[in-house]
Amino acid sequence: MPENLDRIDISLLRLLQKNGRMPNAELAQEANISAATCHRRVQRLMADGYVRDVRAELEPAQLGFGTLALVGVVLDRSTPDSFGLFEQAVHNIKTILDCYLVAGDFDYFLKIRVKDMADFNRFHASRLIALPGVRQTRTFFVMKEVVDGRPLTL
């Protein structure tokens, strides 16, 4: 743990991970501090970059996006320019939820949410293989999400 975080900061981070919508008064009560102190500390934690974002976690299947695919991507060249072009293009495609530069057999792993297999097929044919520098892709369809979005253990 970073030295500039005390037990109250850690407590606030744990509570926010569990429920980012918790009202400040309730958060302060749970952390055993005043509401004003709580507000100041949370603002500092956010300003210092310990809290990246606070947002709702949506249920993809309820919204018609029940198919999750993990796609390994191999680029045709391993140069800073080819990586940069690929990463810039990925930022503009909202279907791609996560993109990771990885070591091993692939250059990148993508987490992609679509409606169904036909939707993925259309996306693959029109957007995925058209990304700059893509030489090969390998797709893994998720059959069951066992652990997803687990909070950090502090």
C-alpha atoms as a PDB file:
ATOM      1  CA  MET A   1       0.000   0.000   0.000  1.00  0.00           C
ATOM      2  CA  PRO A   2       1.238   3.534  -0.699  1.00  0.00           C
ATOM      3  CA  GLU A   3       2.598   5.166   2.448  1.00  0.00           C
ATOM      4  CA  ASN A   4       0.448   8.281   2.072  1.00  0.00           C
ATOM      5  CA  LEU A   5      -2.763   6.242   2.517  1.00  0.00           C
ATOM      6  CA  ASP A   6      -3.893   5.692   6.100  1.00  0.00           C
ATOM      7  CA  ARG A   7      -6.473   3.248   7.443  1.00  0.00           C
ATOM      8  CA  ILE A   8      -9.320   5.754   6.869  1.00  0.00           C
ATOM      9  CA  ASP A   9      -8.326   6.217   3.230  1.00  0.00           C
ATOM     10  CA  ILE A  10      -8.212   2.444   2.770  1.00  0.00           C
ATOM     11  CA  SER A  11     -11.620   2.135   4.432  1.00  0.00           C
ATOM     12  CA  LEU A  12     -13.082   4.787   2.115  1.00  0.00           C
ATOM     13  CA  LEU A  13     -11.640   3.057  -0.956  1.00  0.00           C
ATOM     14  CA  ARG A  14     -13.105  -0.289   0.127  1.00  0.00           C
ATOM     15  CA  LEU A  15     -16.511   1.260   0.739  1.00  0.00           C
ATOM     16  CA  LEU A  16     -16.498   3.098  -2.596  1.00  0.00           C
ATOM     17  CA  GLN A  17     -15.589  -0.117  -4.445  1.00  0.00           C
ATOM     18  CA  LYS A  18     -18.511  -1.868  -2.814  1.00  0.00           C
ATOM     19  CA  ASN A  19     -20.984   0.939  -3.537  1.00  0.00           C
ATOM     20  CA  GLY A  20     -19.835   4.006  -5.472  1.00  0.00           C
ATOM     21  CA  ARG A  21     -23.292   5.562  -5.092  1.00  0.00           C
ATOM     22  CA  MET A  22     -23.187   5.609  -1.288  1.00  0.00           C
ATOM     23  CA  PRO A  23     -24.175   9.103  -0.092  1.00  0.00           C
ATOM     24  CA  ASN A  24     -21.386  11.075   1.605  1.00  0.00           C
ATOM     25  CA  ALA A  25     -23.186  11.077   4.979  1.00  0.00           C
ATOM     26  CA  GLU A  26     -23.515   7.283   4.936  1.00  0.00           C
ATOM     27  CA  LEU A  27     -19.927   6.867   3.731  1.00  0.00           C
ATOM     28  CA  ALA A  28     -18.717   9.099   6.587  1.00  0.00           C
ATOM     29  CA  GLN A  29     -20.733   7.135   9.129  1.00  0.00           C
ATOM     30  CA  GLU A  30     -19.363   3.800   7.858  1.00  0.00           C
ATOM     31  CA  ALA A  31     -15.798   5.170   8.037  1.00  0.00           C
ATOM     32  CA  ASN A  32     -16.340   6.777  11.478  1.00  0.00           C
ATOM     33  CA  ILE A  33     -15.459  10.297  10.344  1.00  0.00           C
ATOM     34  CA  SER A  34     -17.355  13.556   9.896  1.00  0.00           C
ATOM     35  CA  ALA A  35     -19.153  14.253   6.624  1.00  0.00           C
ATOM     36  CA  ALA A  36     -16.885  17.228   5.883  1.00  0.00           C
ATOM     37  CA  THR A  37     -13.735  15.171   6.478  1.00  0.00           C
ATOM     38  CA  CYS A  38     -15.163  12.356   4.359  1.00  0.00           C
ATOM     39  CA  HIS A  39     -15.907  14.717   1.481  1.00  0.00           C
ATOM     40  CA  ARG A  40     -12.404  16.237   1.616  1.00  0.00           C
ATOM     41  CA  ARG A  41     -10.726  12.832   1.741  1.00  0.00           C
ATOM     42  CA  VAL A  42     -12.765  11.402  -1.142  1.00  0.00           C
ATOM     43  CA  GLN A  43     -12.020  14.488  -3.236  1.00  0.00           C
ATOM     44  CA  ARG A  44      -8.286  14.081  -2.457  1.00  0.00           C
ATOM     45  CA  LEU A  45      -8.369  10.365  -3.309  1.00  0.00           C
ATOM     46  CA  MET A  46      -9.978  11.220  -6.650  1.00  0.00           C
ATOM     47  CA  ALA A  47      -7.609  14.123  -7.376  1.00  0.00           C
ATOM     48  CA  ASP A  48      -4.582  11.953  -6.529  1.00  0.00           C
ATOM     49  CA  GLY A  49      -5.749   9.272  -8.970  1.00  0.00           C
ATOM     50  CA  TYR A  50      -6.665   6.496  -6.515  1.00  0.00           C
ATOM     51  CA  VAL A  51     -10.269   6.532  -7.762  1.00  0.00           C
ATOM     52  CA  ARG A  52     -10.383   6.368 -11.540  1.00  0.00           C
ATOM     53  CA  ASP A  53     -14.159   6.691 -11.971  1.00  0.00           C
ATOM     54  CA  VAL A  54     -17.497   6.128 -10.257  1.00  0.00           C
ATOM     55  CA  ARG A  55     -20.228   4.704 -12.456  1.00  0.00           C
ATOM     56  CA  ALA A  56     -23.111   2.266 -12.647  1.00  0.00           C
ATOM     57  CA  GLU A  57     -22.421  -1.346 -13.550  1.00  0.00           C
ATOM     58  CA  LEU A  58     -24.987  -2.337 -16.156  1.00  0.00           C
ATOM     59  CA  GLU A  59     -26.362  -5.825 -16.781  1.00  0.00           C
ATOM     60  CA  PRO A  60     -25.396  -6.553 -20.422  1.00  0.00           C
ATOM     61  CA  ALA A  61     -27.917  -9.380 -20.986  1.00  0.00           C
ATOM     62  CA  GLN A  62     -30.812  -7.170 -19.849  1.00  0.00           C
ATOM     63  CA  LEU A  63     -29.739  -4.593 -22.429  1.00  0.00           C
ATOM     64  CA  GLY A  64     -29.464  -7.090 -25.279  1.00  0.00           C
ATOM     65  CA  PHE A  65     -25.691  -7.612 -25.184  1.00  0.00           C
ATOM     66  CA  GLY A  66     -25.546 -11.143 -23.835  1.00  0.00           C
ATOM     67  CA  THR A  67     -22.596 -12.421 -25.855  1.00  0.00           C
ATOM     68  CA  LEU A  68     -19.069 -11.814 -24.605  1.00  0.00           C
ATOM     69  CA  ALA A  69     -16.029 -12.590 -26.723  1.00  0.00           C
ATOM     70  CA  LEU A  70     -12.334 -12.423 -25.912  1.00  0.00           C
ATOM     71  CA  VAL A  71     -10.227 -11.910 -29.018  1.00  0.00           C
ATOM     72  CA  GLY A  72      -6.496 -12.443 -29.293  1.00  0.00           C
ATOM     73  CA  VAL A  73      -4.935 -10.217 -31.955  1.00  0.00           C
ATOM     74  CA  VAL A  74      -1.584 -10.621 -33.685  1.00  0.00           C
ATOM     75  CA  LEU A  75      -0.268  -7.629 -35.624  1.00  0.00           C
ATOM     76  CA  ASP A  76       1.769  -7.952 -38.795  1.00  0.00           C
ATOM     77  CA  ARG A  77       4.633  -5.906 -37.288  1.00  0.00           C
ATOM     78  CA  SER A  78       5.871  -5.308 -33.741  1.00  0.00           C
ATOM     79  CA  THR A  79       6.830  -1.660 -34.018  1.00  0.00           C
ATOM     80  CA  PRO A  80       5.839   1.358 -31.957  1.00  0.00           C
ATOM     81  CA  ASP A  81       4.089   2.826 -35.009  1.00  0.00           C
ATOM     82  CA  SER A  82       1.968  -0.280 -35.669  1.00  0.00           C
ATOM     83  CA  PHE A  83       1.048  -0.535 -31.976  1.00  0.00           C
ATOM     84  CA  GLY A  84       0.133   3.152 -31.925  1.00  0.00           C
ATOM     85  CA  LEU A  85      -2.082   2.944 -35.005  1.00  0.00           C
ATOM     86  CA  PHE A  86      -3.859  -0.142 -33.675  1.00  0.00           C
ATOM     87  CA  GLU A  87      -4.435   1.390 -30.223  1.00  0.00           C
ATOM     88  CA  GLN A  88      -5.723   4.644 -31.698  1.00  0.00           C
ATOM     89  CA  ALA A  89      -8.216   2.753 -33.884  1.00  0.00           C
ATOM     90  CA  VAL A  90      -9.410   0.585 -30.975  1.00  0.00           C
ATOM     91  CA  HIS A  91     -10.271   3.704 -28.948  1.00  0.00           C
ATOM     92  CA  ASN A  92     -12.872   4.629 -31.553  1.00  0.00           C
ATOM     93  CA  ILE A  93     -14.800   1.329 -31.468  1.00  0.00           C
ATOM     94  CA  LYS A  94     -17.376   1.266 -28.668  1.00  0.00           C
ATOM     95  CA  THR A  95     -18.034  -2.480 -29.033  1.00  0.00           C
ATOM     96  CA  ILE A  96     -14.532  -3.107 -27.666  1.00  0.00           C
ATOM     97  CA  LEU A  97     -14.867  -2.780 -23.894  1.00  0.00           C
ATOM     98  CA  ASP A  98     -11.255  -3.521 -22.945  1.00  0.00           C
ATOM     99  CA  CYS A  99      -7.984  -3.758 -24.804  1.00  0.00           C
ATOM    100  CA  TYR A 100      -4.782  -5.134 -23.278  1.00  0.00           C
ATOM    101  CA  LEU A 101      -1.270  -5.207 -24.726  1.00  0.00           C
ATOM    102  CA  VAL A 102       0.030  -8.630 -23.679  1.00  0.00           C
ATOM    103  CA  ALA A 103       3.169 -10.742 -23.803  1.00  0.00           C
ATOM    104  CA  GLY A 104       3.030 -14.177 -25.389  1.00  0.00           C
ATOM    105  CA  ASP A 105       1.440 -15.571 -28.534  1.00  0.00           C
ATOM    106  CA  PHE A 106      -0.777 -12.510 -29.083  1.00  0.00           C
ATOM    107  CA  ASP A 107      -0.040  -8.797 -29.143  1.00  0.00           C
ATOM    108  CA  TYR A 108      -3.430  -7.745 -27.744  1.00  0.00           C
ATOM    109  CA  PHE A 109      -6.463  -9.205 -26.044  1.00  0.00           C
ATOM    110  CA  LEU A 110      -9.823  -7.524 -26.635  1.00  0.00           C
ATOM    111  CA  LYS A 111     -12.994  -7.877 -24.578  1.00  0.00           C
ATOM    112  CA  ILE A 112     -15.977  -7.423 -26.894  1.00  0.00           C
ATOM    113  CA  ARG A 113     -19.730  -7.309 -26.076  1.00  0.00           C
ATOM    114  CA  VAL A 114     -22.247  -8.019 -28.802  1.00  0.00           C
ATOM    115  CA  LYS A 115     -25.887  -9.069 -29.095  1.00  0.00           C
ATOM    116  CA  ASP A 116     -25.271 -12.568 -30.449  1.00  0.00           C
ATOM    117  CA  MET A 117     -23.050 -14.642 -32.751  1.00  0.00           C
ATOM    118  CA  ALA A 118     -24.482 -13.051 -35.896  1.00  0.00           C
ATOM    119  CA  ASP A 119     -23.737  -9.599 -34.474  1.00  0.00           C
ATOM    120  CA  PHE A 120     -20.158 -10.688 -33.724  1.00  0.00           C
ATOM    121  CA  ASN A 121     -19.803 -12.106 -37.234  1.00  0.00           C
ATOM    122  CA  ARG A 122     -20.829  -8.753 -38.734  1.00  0.00           C
ATOM    123  CA  PHE A 123     -18.483  -6.877 -36.373  1.00  0.00           C
ATOM    124  CA  HIS A 124     -15.596  -9.247 -37.161  1.00  0.00           C
ATOM    125  CA  ALA A 125     -16.043  -8.931 -40.924  1.00  0.00           C
ATOM    126  CA  SER A 126     -16.567  -5.166 -41.041  1.00  0.00           C
ATOM    127  CA  ARG A 127     -14.467  -3.732 -38.205  1.00  0.00           C
ATOM    128  CA  LEU A 128     -12.206  -6.180 -36.385  1.00  0.00           C
ATOM    129  CA  ILE A 129     -10.119  -7.568 -39.231  1.00  0.00           C
ATOM    130  CA  ALA A 130     -10.024  -4.084 -40.785  1.00  0.00           C
ATOM    131  CA  LEU A 131      -8.120  -2.647 -37.818  1.00  0.00           C
ATOM    132  CA  PRO A 132      -4.663  -1.346 -38.784  1.00  0.00           C
ATOM    133  CA  GLY A 133      -1.954  -3.997 -38.884  1.00  0.00           C
ATOM    134  CA  VAL A 134      -4.121  -6.980 -37.921  1.00  0.00           C
ATOM    135  CA  ARG A 135      -2.577 -10.175 -39.278  1.00  0.00           C
ATOM    136  CA  GLN A 136      -4.524 -12.753 -37.272  1.00  0.00           C
ATOM    137  CA  THR A 137      -7.297 -13.001 -34.699  1.00  0.00           C
ATOM    138  CA  ARG A 138      -8.423 -15.849 -32.494  1.00  0.00           C
ATOM    139  CA  THR A 139     -11.819 -15.582 -30.821  1.00  0.00           C
ATOM    140  CA  PHE A 140     -12.908 -17.187 -27.568  1.00  0.00           C
ATOM    141  CA  PHE A 141     -16.625 -17.004 -26.761  1.00  0.00           C
ATOM    142  CA  VAL A 142     -17.343 -16.824 -23.049  1.00  0.00           C
ATOM    143  CA  MET A 143     -19.715 -19.553 -21.952  1.00  0.00           C
ATOM    144  CA  LYS A 144     -20.028 -18.362 -18.355  1.00  0.00           C
ATOM    145  CA  GLU A 145     -18.728 -15.307 -16.525  1.00  0.00           C
ATOM    146  CA  VAL A 146     -17.376 -16.804 -13.327  1.00  0.00           C
ATOM    147  CA  VAL A 147     -15.622 -13.711 -11.910  1.00  0.00           C
ATOM    148  CA  ASP A 148     -16.022 -10.323 -13.575  1.00  0.00           C
ATOM    149  CA  GLY A 149     -15.117  -6.900 -12.237  1.00  0.00           C
ATOM    150  CA  ARG A 150     -13.969  -8.081  -8.810  1.00  0.00           C
ATOM    151  CA  PRO A 151     -12.893  -5.185  -6.566  1.00  0.00           C
ATOM    152  CA  LEU A 152      -9.238  -4.824  -5.639  1.00  0.00           C
ATOM    153  CA  THR A 153      -8.323  -6.354  -2.283  1.00  0.00           C
ATOM    154  CA  LEU A 154      -7.021  -3.568  -0.063  1.00  0.00           C
END
